Amino acid sequence: MYAGLVHKDKIRIVDKSNTGEQIKGVDALITKDLDLALCITVADCLPVFFGIVFFNN
């Protein structure tokens, strides 16, 4: 799945049910699924990526 940037403050929470989908109208994607790749398309701006992984011991 990937987001097409719109230069707004919209974020969408996604999961595996969105696989293969273009998420329109958002600038960020968030997921809890560790094995899910998130992509965005950019033109004149740089993407910022954050990742946090929690491990239960």
N, C-alpha and C. Protein backbone atom coordinates (compact mmCIF):
# COMPACT_ATOMS: atom_id res chain seq x y z
N MET A 1 0.83 -1.17 0.00
CA MET A 1 0.00 0.00 0.00
C MET A 1 0.88 1.23 0.00
N TYR A 2 0.33 2.29 -0.50
CA TYR A 2 1.10 3.52 -0.53
C TYR A 2 0.17 4.72 -0.46
N ALA A 3 0.72 5.84 -0.03
CA ALA A 3 -0.04 7.08 0.08
C ALA A 3 0.45 8.05 -0.99
N GLY A 4 -0.47 8.75 -1.58
CA GLY A 4 -0.14 9.83 -2.50
C GLY A 4 -0.21 11.14 -1.72
N LEU A 5 0.88 11.87 -1.64
CA LEU A 5 0.95 13.05 -0.79
C LEU A 5 0.02 14.16 -1.27
N VAL A 6 -0.59 14.85 -0.31
CA VAL A 6 -1.50 15.95 -0.62
C VAL A 6 -1.12 17.24 0.11
N HIS A 7 -0.02 17.24 0.86
CA HIS A 7 0.46 18.41 1.61
C HIS A 7 -0.59 18.93 2.58
N LYS A 8 -1.13 18.02 3.37
CA LYS A 8 -2.09 18.36 4.43
C LYS A 8 -1.66 17.65 5.70
N ASP A 9 -2.49 17.67 6.72
CA ASP A 9 -2.14 17.03 7.99
C ASP A 9 -2.96 15.76 8.23
N LYS A 10 -3.31 15.06 7.19
CA LYS A 10 -4.13 13.86 7.29
C LYS A 10 -3.26 12.60 7.43
N ILE A 11 -3.63 11.74 8.38
CA ILE A 11 -2.92 10.49 8.65
C ILE A 11 -3.96 9.36 8.65
N ARG A 12 -3.56 8.18 8.17
CA ARG A 12 -4.49 7.04 8.19
C ARG A 12 -3.82 5.83 8.82
N ILE A 13 -4.55 5.17 9.69
CA ILE A 13 -4.09 3.92 10.29
C ILE A 13 -4.50 2.79 9.36
N VAL A 14 -3.53 1.95 8.99
CA VAL A 14 -3.79 0.87 8.04
C VAL A 14 -3.36 -0.47 8.63
N ASP A 15 -3.86 -1.55 8.00
CA ASP A 15 -3.45 -2.90 8.39
C ASP A 15 -3.40 -3.76 7.13
N LYS A 16 -3.25 -5.06 7.31
CA LYS A 16 -3.09 -5.95 6.17
C LYS A 16 -4.30 -5.96 5.23
N SER A 17 -5.46 -5.55 5.72
CA SER A 17 -6.64 -5.51 4.85
C SER A 17 -6.53 -4.44 3.76
N ASN A 18 -5.58 -3.51 3.91
CA ASN A 18 -5.36 -2.46 2.92
C ASN A 18 -4.28 -2.80 1.91
N THR A 19 -3.74 -4.02 1.94
CA THR A 19 -2.64 -4.43 1.06
C THR A 19 -2.99 -4.18 -0.41
N GLY A 20 -2.05 -3.55 -1.13
CA GLY A 20 -2.22 -3.28 -2.55
C GLY A 20 -3.03 -2.05 -2.86
N GLU A 21 -3.48 -1.36 -1.86
CA GLU A 21 -4.37 -0.21 -2.03
C GLU A 21 -3.58 1.10 -2.09
N GLN A 22 -4.04 2.04 -2.92
CA GLN A 22 -3.51 3.40 -2.85
C GLN A 22 -4.40 4.17 -1.90
N ILE A 23 -3.81 4.72 -0.86
CA ILE A 23 -4.55 5.48 0.13
C ILE A 23 -4.50 6.94 -0.31
N LYS A 24 -5.61 7.47 -0.74
CA LYS A 24 -5.65 8.83 -1.27
C LYS A 24 -6.02 9.84 -0.18
N GLY A 25 -5.51 11.06 -0.33
CA GLY A 25 -5.89 12.15 0.55
C GLY A 25 -5.18 12.19 1.88
N VAL A 26 -4.06 11.48 2.02
CA VAL A 26 -3.30 11.48 3.28
C VAL A 26 -1.82 11.73 3.01
N ASP A 27 -1.12 12.19 4.02
CA ASP A 27 0.32 12.39 3.92
C ASP A 27 1.12 11.44 4.80
N ALA A 28 0.44 10.57 5.54
CA ALA A 28 1.16 9.64 6.42
C ALA A 28 0.34 8.37 6.62
N LEU A 29 1.06 7.27 6.80
CA LEU A 29 0.44 5.98 7.11
C LEU A 29 1.04 5.45 8.40
N ILE A 30 0.21 4.85 9.22
CA ILE A 30 0.64 4.24 10.48
C ILE A 30 0.08 2.83 10.54
N THR A 31 0.89 1.88 11.05
CA THR A 31 0.41 0.51 11.21
C THR A 31 1.00 -0.12 12.46
N LYS A 32 0.29 -1.12 12.99
CA LYS A 32 0.81 -1.94 14.09
C LYS A 32 1.44 -3.21 13.55
N ASP A 33 1.21 -3.53 12.28
CA ASP A 33 1.69 -4.77 11.67
C ASP A 33 3.18 -4.65 11.35
N LEU A 34 4.01 -5.45 12.02
CA LEU A 34 5.45 -5.37 11.84
C LEU A 34 5.92 -5.88 10.49
N ASP A 35 5.14 -6.73 9.84
CA ASP A 35 5.55 -7.28 8.55
C ASP A 35 4.80 -6.65 7.38
N LEU A 36 4.40 -5.40 7.53
CA LEU A 36 3.67 -4.67 6.50
C LEU A 36 4.51 -3.50 6.02
N ALA A 37 4.79 -3.45 4.72
CA ALA A 37 5.58 -2.35 4.15
C ALA A 37 4.66 -1.18 3.82
N LEU A 38 5.07 0.01 4.23
CA LEU A 38 4.32 1.23 3.92
C LEU A 38 5.15 2.06 2.95
N CYS A 39 4.53 2.62 1.93
CA CYS A 39 5.23 3.41 0.93
C CYS A 39 4.51 4.73 0.71
N ILE A 40 5.26 5.72 0.25
CA ILE A 40 4.67 6.99 -0.15
C ILE A 40 5.30 7.43 -1.45
N THR A 41 4.62 8.27 -2.18
CA THR A 41 5.20 8.88 -3.37
C THR A 41 5.53 10.33 -3.04
N VAL A 42 6.67 10.79 -3.53
CA VAL A 42 7.10 12.17 -3.27
C VAL A 42 7.54 12.82 -4.58
N ALA A 43 7.52 14.13 -4.58
CA ALA A 43 7.99 14.87 -5.76
C ALA A 43 9.02 15.90 -5.32
N ASP A 44 8.57 16.99 -4.73
CA ASP A 44 9.46 18.09 -4.39
C ASP A 44 9.77 18.20 -2.90
N CYS A 45 9.49 17.14 -2.15
CA CYS A 45 9.76 17.17 -0.71
C CYS A 45 10.40 15.84 -0.29
N LEU A 46 11.03 15.85 0.88
CA LEU A 46 11.69 14.65 1.38
C LEU A 46 10.79 13.93 2.38
N PRO A 47 10.71 12.61 2.30
CA PRO A 47 9.91 11.87 3.27
C PRO A 47 10.64 11.74 4.60
N VAL A 48 9.88 11.63 5.66
CA VAL A 48 10.42 11.39 7.00
C VAL A 48 9.84 10.06 7.48
N PHE A 49 10.71 9.17 7.94
CA PHE A 49 10.27 7.85 8.38
C PHE A 49 10.58 7.68 9.85
N PHE A 50 9.63 7.14 10.59
CA PHE A 50 9.80 6.82 12.00
C PHE A 50 9.46 5.35 12.19
N GLY A 51 10.17 4.69 13.05
CA GLY A 51 9.85 3.30 13.36
C GLY A 51 10.15 3.02 14.81
N ILE A 52 9.19 2.42 15.48
CA ILE A 52 9.36 2.03 16.87
C ILE A 52 8.95 0.57 16.98
N VAL A 53 9.82 -0.24 17.54
CA VAL A 53 9.51 -1.66 17.73
C VAL A 53 9.63 -1.97 19.22
N PHE A 54 8.61 -2.58 19.76
CA PHE A 54 8.62 -2.98 21.16
C PHE A 54 8.74 -4.50 21.24
N PHE A 55 9.60 -4.97 22.10
CA PHE A 55 9.81 -6.40 22.30
C PHE A 55 9.34 -6.78 23.69
N ASN A 56 8.61 -7.83 23.80
CA ASN A 56 8.18 -8.36 25.09
C ASN A 56 9.11 -9.51 25.46
N ASN A 57 9.80 -9.37 26.57
CA ASN A 57 10.71 -10.42 27.02
C ASN A 57 10.03 -11.32 28.01
